[in-house]
Full PDB file with SEQRES, HELIX, SHEET, SSBOND, CRYST1, ORIGX, SCALE, CONECT and MASTER records, all heavy atoms in Angstrom:
SEQRES   1 A   42  SER THR TYR TYR GLY GLN SER LEU GLY GLN SER LEU LYS          
SEQRES   2 A   42  VAL ARG PHE THR ILE THR GLU ASN ASN ALA ASN ASN SER          
SEQRES   3 A   42  VAL ASP LEU GLN LEU ASN ASP LEU LYS PRO ASP ASP THR          
SEQRES   4 A   42  ALA VAL TYR                                                  
HELIX    1 AA1 LEU A   12  VAL A   14  5                                   3    
HELIX    2 AA2 PRO A   36  ASP A   38  5                                   3    
SHEET    1 AA1 2 GLN A   6  SER A   7  0                                        
SHEET    2 AA1 2 GLN A  10  SER A  11 -1                                        
SHEET    1 AA2 2 PHE A  16  ASN A  21  0                                        
SHEET    2 AA2 2 SER A  26  LEU A  31 -1                                        
CRYST1    1.000    1.000    1.000  90.00  90.00  90.00 P 1           1          
ORIGX1      1.000000  0.000000  0.000000        0.00000                         
ORIGX2      0.000000  1.000000  0.000000        0.00000                         
ORIGX3      0.000000  0.000000  1.000000        0.00000                         
SCALE1      1.000000  0.000000  0.000000        0.00000                         
SCALE2      0.000000  1.000000  0.000000        0.00000                         
SCALE3      0.000000  0.000000  1.000000        0.00000                         
ATOM      1  N   SER A   1     -39.981   0.264  16.453  1.00  0.00           N  
ATOM      2  CA  SER A   1     -38.547   0.383  16.203  1.00  0.00           C  
ATOM      3  C   SER A   1     -37.933  -0.995  15.973  1.00  0.00           C  
ATOM      4  O   SER A   1     -38.374  -1.992  16.550  1.00  0.00           O  
ATOM      5  CB  SER A   1     -37.859   1.050  17.389  1.00  0.00           C  
ATOM      6  OG  SER A   1     -38.276   2.387  17.517  1.00  0.00           O  
ATOM      7  N   THR A   2     -36.905  -1.027  15.137  1.00  0.00           N  
ATOM      8  CA  THR A   2     -36.204  -2.283  14.865  1.00  0.00           C  
ATOM      9  C   THR A   2     -34.728  -2.138  15.196  1.00  0.00           C  
ATOM     10  O   THR A   2     -34.141  -1.051  15.047  1.00  0.00           O  
ATOM     11  CB  THR A   2     -36.358  -2.709  13.400  1.00  0.00           C  
ATOM     12  OG1 THR A   2     -35.887  -1.657  12.555  1.00  0.00           O  
ATOM     13  CG2 THR A   2     -37.815  -3.000  13.070  1.00  0.00           C  
ATOM     14  N   TYR A   3     -34.121  -3.220  15.634  1.00  0.00           N  
ATOM     15  CA  TYR A   3     -32.719  -3.235  16.004  1.00  0.00           C  
ATOM     16  C   TYR A   3     -32.100  -4.513  15.454  1.00  0.00           C  
ATOM     17  O   TYR A   3     -32.760  -5.554  15.378  1.00  0.00           O  
ATOM     18  CB  TYR A   3     -32.563  -3.176  17.526  1.00  0.00           C  
ATOM     19  CG  TYR A   3     -33.294  -2.015  18.148  1.00  0.00           C  
ATOM     20  CD1 TYR A   3     -34.510  -2.202  18.800  1.00  0.00           C  
ATOM     21  CD2 TYR A   3     -32.791  -0.725  18.069  1.00  0.00           C  
ATOM     22  CE1 TYR A   3     -35.197  -1.137  19.348  1.00  0.00           C  
ATOM     23  CE2 TYR A   3     -33.475   0.351  18.619  1.00  0.00           C  
ATOM     24  CZ  TYR A   3     -34.676   0.134  19.256  1.00  0.00           C  
ATOM     25  OH  TYR A   3     -35.351   1.195  19.803  1.00  0.00           O  
ATOM     26  N   TYR A   4     -30.825  -4.425  15.095  1.00  0.00           N  
ATOM     27  CA  TYR A   4     -30.151  -5.548  14.476  1.00  0.00           C  
ATOM     28  C   TYR A   4     -28.808  -5.821  15.137  1.00  0.00           C  
ATOM     29  O   TYR A   4     -28.126  -4.896  15.585  1.00  0.00           O  
ATOM     30  CB  TYR A   4     -29.939  -5.279  12.984  1.00  0.00           C  
ATOM     31  CG  TYR A   4     -31.228  -5.229  12.205  1.00  0.00           C  
ATOM     32  CD1 TYR A   4     -31.961  -4.052  12.100  1.00  0.00           C  
ATOM     33  CD2 TYR A   4     -31.736  -6.373  11.588  1.00  0.00           C  
ATOM     34  CE1 TYR A   4     -33.167  -4.010  11.404  1.00  0.00           C  
ATOM     35  CE2 TYR A   4     -32.930  -6.343  10.891  1.00  0.00           C  
ATOM     36  CZ  TYR A   4     -33.640  -5.160  10.806  1.00  0.00           C  
ATOM     37  OH  TYR A   4     -34.834  -5.133  10.112  1.00  0.00           O  
ATOM     38  N   GLY A   5     -28.418  -7.059  15.127  1.00  0.00           N  
ATOM     39  CA  GLY A   5     -27.118  -7.436  15.628  1.00  0.00           C  
ATOM     40  C   GLY A   5     -26.057  -7.273  14.553  1.00  0.00           C  
ATOM     41  O   GLY A   5     -26.328  -6.724  13.481  1.00  0.00           O  
ATOM     42  N   GLN A   6     -24.872  -7.756  14.858  1.00  0.00           N  
ATOM     43  CA  GLN A   6     -23.764  -7.657  13.916  1.00  0.00           C  
ATOM     44  C   GLN A   6     -23.169  -9.032  13.644  1.00  0.00           C  
ATOM     45  O   GLN A   6     -23.216  -9.942  14.488  1.00  0.00           O  
ATOM     46  CB  GLN A   6     -22.683  -6.739  14.474  1.00  0.00           C  
ATOM     47  CG  GLN A   6     -23.077  -5.269  14.507  1.00  0.00           C  
ATOM     48  CD  GLN A   6     -21.864  -4.366  14.487  1.00  0.00           C  
ATOM     49  OE1 GLN A   6     -20.832  -4.725  15.022  1.00  0.00           O  
ATOM     50  NE2 GLN A   6     -21.988  -3.199  13.874  1.00  0.00           N  
ATOM     51  N   SER A   7     -22.576  -9.178  12.487  1.00  0.00           N  
ATOM     52  CA  SER A   7     -21.887 -10.402  12.128  1.00  0.00           C  
ATOM     53  C   SER A   7     -20.759 -10.064  11.165  1.00  0.00           C  
ATOM     54  O   SER A   7     -20.958  -9.274  10.236  1.00  0.00           O  
ATOM     55  CB  SER A   7     -22.857 -11.398  11.478  1.00  0.00           C  
ATOM     56  OG  SER A   7     -22.177 -12.571  11.086  1.00  0.00           O  
ATOM     57  N   LEU A   8     -19.591 -10.633  11.411  1.00  0.00           N  
ATOM     58  CA  LEU A   8     -18.421 -10.393  10.553  1.00  0.00           C  
ATOM     59  C   LEU A   8     -18.168  -8.896  10.403  1.00  0.00           C  
ATOM     60  O   LEU A   8     -17.812  -8.417   9.314  1.00  0.00           O  
ATOM     61  CB  LEU A   8     -18.639 -11.045   9.184  1.00  0.00           C  
ATOM     62  CG  LEU A   8     -18.891 -12.560   9.204  1.00  0.00           C  
ATOM     63  CD1 LEU A   8     -19.217 -13.074   7.805  1.00  0.00           C  
ATOM     64  CD2 LEU A   8     -17.693 -13.295   9.789  1.00  0.00           C  
ATOM     65  N   GLY A   9     -18.385  -8.140  11.491  1.00  0.00           N  
ATOM     66  CA  GLY A   9     -18.079  -6.719  11.492  1.00  0.00           C  
ATOM     67  C   GLY A   9     -19.072  -5.849  10.746  1.00  0.00           C  
ATOM     68  O   GLY A   9     -18.813  -4.665  10.508  1.00  0.00           O  
ATOM     69  N   GLN A  10     -20.214  -6.423  10.402  1.00  0.00           N  
ATOM     70  CA  GLN A  10     -21.208  -5.672   9.630  1.00  0.00           C  
ATOM     71  C   GLN A  10     -22.564  -5.824  10.290  1.00  0.00           C  
ATOM     72  O   GLN A  10     -22.886  -6.886  10.827  1.00  0.00           O  
ATOM     73  CB  GLN A  10     -21.238  -6.224   8.209  1.00  0.00           C  
ATOM     74  CG  GLN A  10     -22.161  -5.502   7.242  1.00  0.00           C  
ATOM     75  CD  GLN A  10     -22.165  -6.168   5.879  1.00  0.00           C  
ATOM     76  OE1 GLN A  10     -22.473  -7.352   5.748  1.00  0.00           O  
ATOM     77  NE2 GLN A  10     -21.820  -5.406   4.852  1.00  0.00           N  
ATOM     78  N   SER A  11     -23.369  -4.776  10.227  1.00  0.00           N  
ATOM     79  CA  SER A  11     -24.714  -4.879  10.775  1.00  0.00           C  
ATOM     80  C   SER A  11     -25.528  -5.886   9.964  1.00  0.00           C  
ATOM     81  O   SER A  11     -25.472  -5.899   8.726  1.00  0.00           O  
ATOM     82  CB  SER A  11     -25.401  -3.523  10.745  1.00  0.00           C  
ATOM     83  OG  SER A  11     -26.777  -3.669  11.088  1.00  0.00           O  
ATOM     84  N   LEU A  12     -26.303  -6.697  10.662  1.00  0.00           N  
ATOM     85  CA  LEU A  12     -27.161  -7.648   9.966  1.00  0.00           C  
ATOM     86  C   LEU A  12     -28.297  -6.959   9.230  1.00  0.00           C  
ATOM     87  O   LEU A  12     -28.973  -7.571   8.407  1.00  0.00           O  
ATOM     88  CB  LEU A  12     -27.712  -8.671  10.958  1.00  0.00           C  
ATOM     89  CG  LEU A  12     -26.687  -9.680  11.482  1.00  0.00           C  
ATOM     90  CD1 LEU A  12     -27.295 -10.516  12.614  1.00  0.00           C  
ATOM     91  CD2 LEU A  12     -26.179 -10.582  10.376  1.00  0.00           C  
ATOM     92  N   LYS A  13     -28.493  -5.690   9.509  1.00  0.00           N  
ATOM     93  CA  LYS A  13     -29.539  -4.923   8.826  1.00  0.00           C  
ATOM     94  C   LYS A  13     -29.289  -4.875   7.320  1.00  0.00           C  
ATOM     95  O   LYS A  13     -30.219  -4.707   6.531  1.00  0.00           O  
ATOM     96  CB  LYS A  13     -29.587  -3.506   9.394  1.00  0.00           C  
ATOM     97  CG  LYS A  13     -30.713  -2.650   8.848  1.00  0.00           C  
ATOM     98  CD  LYS A  13     -30.723  -1.282   9.501  1.00  0.00           C  
ATOM     99  CE  LYS A  13     -31.886  -0.440   8.983  1.00  0.00           C  
ATOM    100  NZ  LYS A  13     -31.922   0.890   9.626  1.00  0.00           N  
ATOM    101  N   VAL A  14     -28.032  -5.025   6.934  1.00  0.00           N  
ATOM    102  CA  VAL A  14     -27.700  -4.995   5.510  1.00  0.00           C  
ATOM    103  C   VAL A  14     -28.351  -6.166   4.774  1.00  0.00           C  
ATOM    104  O   VAL A  14     -28.761  -6.038   3.615  1.00  0.00           O  
ATOM    105  CB  VAL A  14     -26.164  -5.029   5.328  1.00  0.00           C  
ATOM    106  CG1 VAL A  14     -25.794  -5.128   3.849  1.00  0.00           C  
ATOM    107  CG2 VAL A  14     -25.540  -3.792   5.950  1.00  0.00           C  
ATOM    108  N   ARG A  15     -28.476  -7.304   5.455  1.00  0.00           N  
ATOM    109  CA  ARG A  15     -28.953  -8.509   4.769  1.00  0.00           C  
ATOM    110  C   ARG A  15     -30.273  -9.053   5.337  1.00  0.00           C  
ATOM    111  O   ARG A  15     -30.969  -9.810   4.653  1.00  0.00           O  
ATOM    112  CB  ARG A  15     -27.883  -9.605   4.860  1.00  0.00           C  
ATOM    113  CG  ARG A  15     -26.565  -9.215   4.220  1.00  0.00           C  
ATOM    114  CD  ARG A  15     -25.572 -10.370   4.233  1.00  0.00           C  
ATOM    115  NE  ARG A  15     -25.120 -10.698   5.568  1.00  0.00           N  
ATOM    116  CZ  ARG A  15     -25.278 -11.865   6.153  1.00  0.00           C  
ATOM    117  NH1 ARG A  15     -25.893 -12.849   5.506  1.00  0.00           N  
ATOM    118  NH2 ARG A  15     -24.819 -12.086   7.381  1.00  0.00           N  
ATOM    119  N   PHE A  16     -30.583  -8.700   6.568  1.00  0.00           N  
ATOM    120  CA  PHE A  16     -31.790  -9.249   7.220  1.00  0.00           C  
ATOM    121  C   PHE A  16     -32.814  -8.140   7.464  1.00  0.00           C  
ATOM    122  O   PHE A  16     -32.453  -6.987   7.695  1.00  0.00           O  
ATOM    123  CB  PHE A  16     -31.430  -9.888   8.556  1.00  0.00           C  
ATOM    124  CG  PHE A  16     -30.498 -11.076   8.477  1.00  0.00           C  
ATOM    125  CD1 PHE A  16     -30.040 -11.676   9.644  1.00  0.00           C  
ATOM    126  CD2 PHE A  16     -30.083 -11.610   7.271  1.00  0.00           C  
ATOM    127  CE1 PHE A  16     -29.190 -12.772   9.604  1.00  0.00           C  
ATOM    128  CE2 PHE A  16     -29.237 -12.697   7.203  1.00  0.00           C  
ATOM    129  CZ  PHE A  16     -28.784 -13.271   8.383  1.00  0.00           C  
ATOM    130  N   THR A  17     -34.087  -8.512   7.461  1.00  0.00           N  
ATOM    131  CA  THR A  17     -35.150  -7.558   7.749  1.00  0.00           C  
ATOM    132  C   THR A  17     -36.185  -8.213   8.650  1.00  0.00           C  
ATOM    133  O   THR A  17     -36.722  -9.276   8.321  1.00  0.00           O  
ATOM    134  CB  THR A  17     -35.854  -7.086   6.461  1.00  0.00           C  
ATOM    135  OG1 THR A  17     -34.887  -6.517   5.577  1.00  0.00           O  
ATOM    136  CG2 THR A  17     -36.907  -6.029   6.792  1.00  0.00           C  
ATOM    137  N   ILE A  18     -36.457  -7.565   9.784  1.00  0.00           N  
ATOM    138  CA  ILE A  18     -37.487  -8.053  10.699  1.00  0.00           C  
ATOM    139  C   ILE A  18     -38.743  -7.214  10.523  1.00  0.00           C  
ATOM    140  O   ILE A  18     -38.670  -5.990  10.416  1.00  0.00           O  
ATOM    141  CB  ILE A  18     -37.002  -8.026  12.169  1.00  0.00           C  
ATOM    142  CG1 ILE A  18     -38.011  -8.702  13.089  1.00  0.00           C  
ATOM    143  CG2 ILE A  18     -36.677  -6.604  12.636  1.00  0.00           C  
ATOM    144  CD1 ILE A  18     -37.499  -8.943  14.500  1.00  0.00           C  
ATOM    145  N   THR A  19     -39.862  -7.881  10.426  1.00  0.00           N  
ATOM    146  CA  THR A  19     -41.143  -7.184  10.305  1.00  0.00           C  
ATOM    147  C   THR A  19     -42.151  -7.823  11.252  1.00  0.00           C  
ATOM    148  O   THR A  19     -42.133  -9.025  11.478  1.00  0.00           O  
ATOM    149  CB  THR A  19     -41.685  -7.240   8.870  1.00  0.00           C  
ATOM    150  OG1 THR A  19     -41.762  -8.620   8.454  1.00  0.00           O  
ATOM    151  CG2 THR A  19     -40.801  -6.484   7.911  1.00  0.00           C  
ATOM    152  N   GLU A  20     -43.034  -6.978  11.764  1.00  0.00           N  
ATOM    153  CA  GLU A  20     -44.035  -7.479  12.693  1.00  0.00           C  
ATOM    154  C   GLU A  20     -45.428  -7.307  12.116  1.00  0.00           C  
ATOM    155  O   GLU A  20     -45.680  -6.402  11.334  1.00  0.00           O  
ATOM    156  CB  GLU A  20     -43.915  -6.758  14.045  1.00  0.00           C  
ATOM    157  CG  GLU A  20     -43.912  -5.245  13.958  1.00  0.00           C  
ATOM    158  CD  GLU A  20     -45.277  -4.608  14.147  1.00  0.00           C  
ATOM    159  OE1 GLU A  20     -46.238  -5.335  14.444  1.00  0.00           O  
ATOM    160  OE2 GLU A  20     -45.377  -3.385  14.002  1.00  0.00           O  
ATOM    161  N   ASN A  21     -46.290  -8.208  12.476  1.00  0.00           N  
ATOM    162  CA  ASN A  21     -47.678  -8.181  12.024  1.00  0.00           C  
ATOM    163  C   ASN A  21     -48.558  -8.295  13.255  1.00  0.00           C  
ATOM    164  O   ASN A  21     -48.842  -9.385  13.739  1.00  0.00           O  
ATOM    165  CB  ASN A  21     -47.932  -9.334  11.062  1.00  0.00           C  
ATOM    166  CG  ASN A  21     -49.301  -9.251  10.423  1.00  0.00           C  
ATOM    167  OD1 ASN A  21     -50.223  -8.673  10.988  1.00  0.00           O  
ATOM    168  ND2 ASN A  21     -49.440  -9.821   9.243  1.00  0.00           N  
ATOM    169  N   ASN A  22     -48.949  -7.130  13.755  1.00  0.00           N  
ATOM    170  CA  ASN A  22     -49.754  -7.129  14.976  1.00  0.00           C  
ATOM    171  C   ASN A  22     -51.081  -7.847  14.802  1.00  0.00           C  
ATOM    172  O   ASN A  22     -51.595  -8.473  15.719  1.00  0.00           O  
ATOM    173  CB  ASN A  22     -50.006  -5.686  15.438  1.00  0.00           C  
ATOM    174  CG  ASN A  22     -48.914  -5.202  16.361  1.00  0.00           C  
ATOM    175  OD1 ASN A  22     -48.186  -5.999  16.944  1.00  0.00           O  
ATOM    176  ND2 ASN A  22     -48.778  -3.898  16.493  1.00  0.00           N  
ATOM    177  N   ALA A  23     -51.617  -7.731  13.580  1.00  0.00           N  
ATOM    178  CA  ALA A  23     -52.915  -8.354  13.328  1.00  0.00           C  
ATOM    179  C   ALA A  23     -52.837  -9.865  13.516  1.00  0.00           C  
ATOM    180  O   ALA A  23     -53.793 -10.499  13.970  1.00  0.00           O  
ATOM    181  CB  ALA A  23     -53.397  -8.003  11.934  1.00  0.00           C  
ATOM    182  N   ASN A  24     -51.693 -10.448  13.163  1.00  0.00           N  
ATOM    183  CA  ASN A  24     -51.526 -11.897  13.276  1.00  0.00           C  
ATOM    184  C   ASN A  24     -50.697 -12.300  14.476  1.00  0.00           C  
ATOM    185  O   ASN A  24     -50.458 -13.481  14.677  1.00  0.00           O  
ATOM    186  CB  ASN A  24     -50.873 -12.453  12.012  1.00  0.00           C  
ATOM    187  CG  ASN A  24     -51.765 -12.338  10.798  1.00  0.00           C  
ATOM    188  OD1 ASN A  24     -52.983 -12.318  10.935  1.00  0.00           O  
ATOM    189  ND2 ASN A  24     -51.165 -12.247   9.630  1.00  0.00           N  
ATOM    190  N   ASN A  25     -50.259 -11.303  15.277  1.00  0.00           N  
ATOM    191  CA  ASN A  25     -49.427 -11.593  16.440  1.00  0.00           C  
ATOM    192  C   ASN A  25     -48.216 -12.404  16.025  1.00  0.00           C  
ATOM    193  O   ASN A  25     -47.893 -13.443  16.642  1.00  0.00           O  
ATOM    194  CB  ASN A  25     -50.246 -12.351  17.501  1.00  0.00           C  
ATOM    195  CG  ASN A  25     -49.758 -12.103  18.902  1.00  0.00           C  
ATOM    196  OD1 ASN A  25     -49.211 -11.052  19.215  1.00  0.00           O  
ATOM    197  ND2 ASN A  25     -49.946 -13.081  19.768  1.00  0.00           N  
ATOM    198  N   SER A  26     -47.552 -11.952  14.970  1.00  0.00           N  
ATOM    199  CA  SER A  26     -46.425 -12.715  14.431  1.00  0.00           C  
ATOM    200  C   SER A  26     -45.298 -11.778  14.024  1.00  0.00           C  
ATOM    201  O   SER A  26     -45.490 -10.559  13.921  1.00  0.00           O  
ATOM    202  CB  SER A  26     -46.884 -13.538  13.226  1.00  0.00           C  
ATOM    203  OG  SER A  26     -47.300 -12.685  12.178  1.00  0.00           O  
ATOM    204  N   VAL A  27     -44.148 -12.355  13.814  1.00  0.00           N  
ATOM    205  CA  VAL A  27     -42.995 -11.599  13.354  1.00  0.00           C  
ATOM    206  C   VAL A  27     -42.235 -12.445  12.344  1.00  0.00           C  
ATOM    207  O   VAL A  27     -42.123 -13.657  12.502  1.00  0.00           O  
ATOM    208  CB  VAL A  27     -42.092 -11.189  14.535  1.00  0.00           C  
ATOM    209  CG1 VAL A  27     -41.515 -12.403  15.244  1.00  0.00           C  
ATOM    210  CG2 VAL A  27     -40.978 -10.268  14.078  1.00  0.00           C  
ATOM    211  N   ASP A  28     -41.755 -11.787  11.299  1.00  0.00           N  
ATOM    212  CA  ASP A  28     -40.999 -12.476  10.262  1.00  0.00           C  
ATOM    213  C   ASP A  28     -39.558 -11.983  10.245  1.00  0.00           C  
ATOM    214  O   ASP A  28     -39.259 -10.865  10.672  1.00  0.00           O  
ATOM    215  CB  ASP A  28     -41.613 -12.215   8.882  1.00  0.00           C  
ATOM    216  CG  ASP A  28     -43.000 -12.806   8.744  1.00  0.00           C  
ATOM    217  OD1 ASP A  28     -43.308 -13.792   9.448  1.00  0.00           O  
ATOM    218  OD2 ASP A  28     -43.784 -12.276   7.940  1.00  0.00           O  
ATOM    219  N   LEU A  29     -38.677 -12.815   9.723  1.00  0.00           N  
ATOM    220  CA  LEU A  29     -37.285 -12.432   9.526  1.00  0.00           C  
ATOM    221  C   LEU A  29     -36.872 -12.853   8.128  1.00  0.00           C  
ATOM    222  O   LEU A  29     -36.774 -14.050   7.841  1.00  0.00           O  
ATOM    223  CB  LEU A  29     -36.376 -13.091  10.565  1.00  0.00           C  
ATOM    224  CG  LEU A  29     -34.907 -12.669  10.504  1.00  0.00           C  
ATOM    225  CD1 LEU A  29     -34.761 -11.194  10.909  1.00  0.00           C  
ATOM    226  CD2 LEU A  29     -34.046 -13.543  11.412  1.00  0.00           C  
ATOM    227  N   GLN A  30     -36.664 -11.873   7.264  1.00  0.00           N  
ATOM    228  CA  GLN A  30     -36.209 -12.143   5.906  1.00  0.00           C  
ATOM    229  C   GLN A  30     -34.687 -12.192   5.908  1.00  0.00           C  
ATOM    230  O   GLN A  30     -34.034 -11.239   6.332  1.00  0.00           O  
ATOM    231  CB  GLN A  30     -36.706 -11.053   4.952  1.00  0.00           C  
ATOM    232  CG  GLN A  30     -36.241 -11.207   3.529  1.00  0.00           C  
ATOM    233  CD  GLN A  30     -36.854 -12.410   2.830  1.00  0.00           C  
ATOM    234  OE1 GLN A  30     -38.044 -12.684   2.987  1.00  0.00           O  
ATOM    235  NE2 GLN A  30     -36.045 -13.133   2.067  1.00  0.00           N  
ATOM    236  N   LEU A  31     -34.145 -13.295   5.430  1.00  0.00           N  
ATOM    237  CA  LEU A  31     -32.700 -13.495   5.383  1.00  0.00           C  
ATOM    238  C   LEU A  31     -32.256 -13.493   3.934  1.00  0.00           C  
ATOM    239  O   LEU A  31     -32.673 -14.353   3.152  1.00  0.00           O  
ATOM    240  CB  LEU A  31     -32.319 -14.827   6.035  1.00  0.00           C  
ATOM    241  CG  LEU A  31     -32.902 -15.147   7.409  1.00  0.00           C  
ATOM    242  CD1 LEU A  31     -32.540 -16.570   7.819  1.00  0.00           C  
ATOM    243  CD2 LEU A  31     -32.411 -14.159   8.442  1.00  0.00           C  
ATOM    244  N   ASN A  32     -31.432 -12.536   3.563  1.00  0.00           N  
ATOM    245  CA  ASN A  32     -30.932 -12.437   2.192  1.00  0.00           C  
ATOM    246  C   ASN A  32     -29.425 -12.574   2.165  1.00  0.00           C  
ATOM    247  O   ASN A  32     -28.744 -12.348   3.174  1.00  0.00           O  
ATOM    248  CB  ASN A  32     -31.328 -11.098   1.570  1.00  0.00           C  
ATOM    249  CG  ASN A  32     -32.822 -10.956   1.387  1.00  0.00           C  
ATOM    250  OD1 ASN A  32     -33.537 -11.931   1.135  1.00  0.00           O  
ATOM    251  ND2 ASN A  32     -33.317  -9.742   1.519  1.00  0.00           N  
ATOM    252  N   ASP A  33     -28.896 -12.932   0.995  1.00  0.00           N  
ATOM    253  CA  ASP A  33     -27.450 -13.042   0.803  1.00  0.00           C  
ATOM    254  C   ASP A  33     -26.818 -13.868   1.935  1.00  0.00           C  
ATOM    255  O   ASP A  33     -25.848 -13.446   2.576  1.00  0.00           O  
ATOM    256  CB  ASP A  33     -26.806 -11.654   0.737  1.00  0.00           C  
ATOM    257  CG  ASP A  33     -25.356 -11.692   0.291  1.00  0.00           C  
ATOM    258  OD1 ASP A  33     -24.956 -12.683  -0.352  1.00  0.00           O  
ATOM    259  OD2 ASP A  33     -24.607 -10.748   0.627  1.00  0.00           O  
ATOM    260  N   LEU A  34     -27.364 -15.030   2.158  1.00  0.00           N  
ATOM    261  CA  LEU A  34     -26.916 -15.851   3.273  1.00  0.00           C  
ATOM    262  C   LEU A  34     -25.493 -16.363   3.071  1.00  0.00           C  
ATOM    263  O   LEU A  34     -25.065 -16.630   1.935  1.00  0.00           O  
ATOM    264  CB  LEU A  34     -27.876 -17.022   3.478  1.00  0.00           C  
ATOM    265  CG  LEU A  34     -29.182 -16.635   4.181  1.00  0.00           C  
ATOM    266  CD1 LEU A  34     -30.260 -17.673   3.958  1.00  0.00           C  
ATOM    267  CD2 LEU A  34     -28.940 -16.427   5.667  1.00  0.00           C  
ATOM    268  N   LYS A  35     -24.776 -16.486   4.180  1.00  0.00           N  
ATOM    269  CA  LYS A  35     -23.391 -16.927   4.192  1.00  0.00           C  
ATOM    270  C   LYS A  35     -23.261 -18.142   5.108  1.00  0.00           C  
ATOM    271  O   LYS A  35     -24.084 -18.334   6.020  1.00  0.00           O  
ATOM    272  CB  LYS A  35     -22.493 -15.795   4.685  1.00  0.00           C  
ATOM    273  CG  LYS A  35     -22.664 -14.484   3.920  1.00  0.00           C  
ATOM    274  CD  LYS A  35     -21.815 -13.390   4.498  1.00  0.00           C  
ATOM    275  CE  LYS A  35     -22.087 -12.047   3.830  1.00  0.00           C  
ATOM    276  NZ  LYS A  35     -21.851 -12.060   2.380  1.00  0.00           N  
ATOM    277  N   PRO A  36     -22.231 -18.955   4.903  1.00  0.00           N  
ATOM    278  CA  PRO A  36     -22.058 -20.124   5.786  1.00  0.00           C  
ATOM    279  C   PRO A  36     -22.026 -19.755   7.273  1.00  0.00           C  
ATOM    280  O   PRO A  36     -22.478 -20.539   8.109  1.00  0.00           O  
ATOM    281  CB  PRO A  36     -20.718 -20.705   5.318  1.00  0.00           C  
ATOM    282  CG  PRO A  36     -20.660 -20.330   3.867  1.00  0.00           C  
ATOM    283  CD  PRO A  36     -21.287 -18.960   3.781  1.00  0.00           C  
ATOM    284  N   ASP A  37     -21.513 -18.565   7.608  1.00  0.00           N  
ATOM    285  CA  ASP A  37     -21.490 -18.136   9.015  1.00  0.00           C  
ATOM    286  C   ASP A  37     -22.884 -17.902   9.589  1.00  0.00           C  
ATOM    287  O   ASP A  37     -23.034 -17.754  10.806  1.00  0.00           O  
ATOM    288  CB  ASP A  37     -20.667 -16.854   9.164  1.00  0.00           C  
ATOM    289  CG  ASP A  37     -19.170 -17.130   9.150  1.00  0.00           C  
ATOM    290  OD1 ASP A  37     -18.773 -18.265   9.476  1.00  0.00           O  
ATOM    291  OD2 ASP A  37     -18.397 -16.220   8.802  1.00  0.00           O  
ATOM    292  N   ASP A  38     -23.885 -17.836   8.737  1.00  0.00           N  
ATOM    293  CA  ASP A  38     -25.258 -17.666   9.213  1.00  0.00           C  
ATOM    294  C   ASP A  38     -25.883 -18.999   9.643  1.00  0.00           C  
ATOM    295  O   ASP A  38     -26.999 -19.015  10.171  1.00  0.00           O  
ATOM    296  CB  ASP A  38     -26.129 -17.049   8.119  1.00  0.00           C  
ATOM    297  CG  ASP A  38     -25.691 -15.644   7.751  1.00  0.00           C  
ATOM    298  OD1 ASP A  38     -25.363 -14.866   8.676  1.00  0.00           O  
ATOM    299  OD2 ASP A  38     -25.675 -15.324   6.553  1.00  0.00           O  
ATOM    300  N   THR A  39     -25.197 -20.082   9.402  1.00  0.00           N  
ATOM    301  CA  THR A  39     -25.707 -21.390   9.789  1.00  0.00           C  
ATOM    302  C   THR A  39     -25.888 -21.470  11.305  1.00  0.00           C  
ATOM    303  O   THR A  39     -24.952 -21.231  12.067  1.00  0.00           O  
ATOM    304  CB  THR A  39     -24.754 -22.504   9.332  1.00  0.00           C  
ATOM    305  OG1 THR A  39     -24.713 -22.520   7.908  1.00  0.00           O  
ATOM    306  CG2 THR A  39     -25.206 -23.861   9.840  1.00  0.00           C  
ATOM    307  N   ALA A  40     -27.103 -21.764  11.727  1.00  0.00           N  
ATOM    308  CA  ALA A  40     -27.426 -21.788  13.155  1.00  0.00           C  
ATOM    309  C   ALA A  40     -28.880 -22.213  13.332  1.00  0.00           C  
ATOM    310  O   ALA A  40     -29.636 -22.283  12.355  1.00  0.00           O  
ATOM    311  CB  ALA A  40     -27.226 -20.409  13.779  1.00  0.00           C  
ATOM    312  N   VAL A  41     -29.235 -22.463  14.568  1.00  0.00           N  
ATOM    313  CA  VAL A  41     -30.650 -22.589  14.917  1.00  0.00           C  
ATOM    314  C   VAL A  41     -31.145 -21.192  15.279  1.00  0.00           C  
ATOM    315  O   VAL A  41     -30.542 -20.516  16.105  1.00  0.00           O  
ATOM    316  CB  VAL A  41     -30.865 -23.550  16.099  1.00  0.00           C  
ATOM    317  CG1 VAL A  41     -32.338 -23.600  16.475  1.00  0.00           C  
ATOM    318  CG2 VAL A  41     -30.346 -24.937  15.748  1.00  0.00           C  
ATOM    319  N   TYR A  42     -32.219 -20.789  14.634  1.00  0.00           N  
ATOM    320  CA  TYR A  42     -32.779 -19.459  14.861  1.00  0.00           C  
ATOM    321  C   TYR A  42     -33.980 -19.570  15.792  1.00  0.00           C  
ATOM    322  O   TYR A  42     -34.900 -20.348  15.533  1.00  0.00           O  
ATOM    323  CB  TYR A  42     -33.185 -18.829  13.533  1.00  0.00           C  
ATOM    324  CG  TYR A  42     -31.999 -18.325  12.748  1.00  0.00           C  
ATOM    325  CD1 TYR A  42     -31.079 -19.220  12.204  1.00  0.00           C  
ATOM    326  CD2 TYR A  42     -31.774 -16.963  12.576  1.00  0.00           C  
ATOM    327  CE1 TYR A  42     -29.963 -18.772  11.502  1.00  0.00           C  
ATOM    328  CE2 TYR A  42     -30.672 -16.505  11.872  1.00  0.00           C  
ATOM    329  CZ  TYR A  42     -29.773 -17.423  11.339  1.00  0.00           C  
ATOM    330  OH  TYR A  42     -28.675 -16.970  10.646  1.00  0.00           O  
TER     331      TYR A  42                                                      
MASTER        0    0    0    2    4    0    0    6  330    1    0    4          
END                                                                             
């Protein structure tokens, strides 16, 4: 299951996608349509 936070009154699911790779014990976060408010340390 995946869950997303919110930003500027909108779910981040609209622009971000989290995927997991059990084989590699890793997780990715695809960030699309980035906005200045997304500026941060992740």
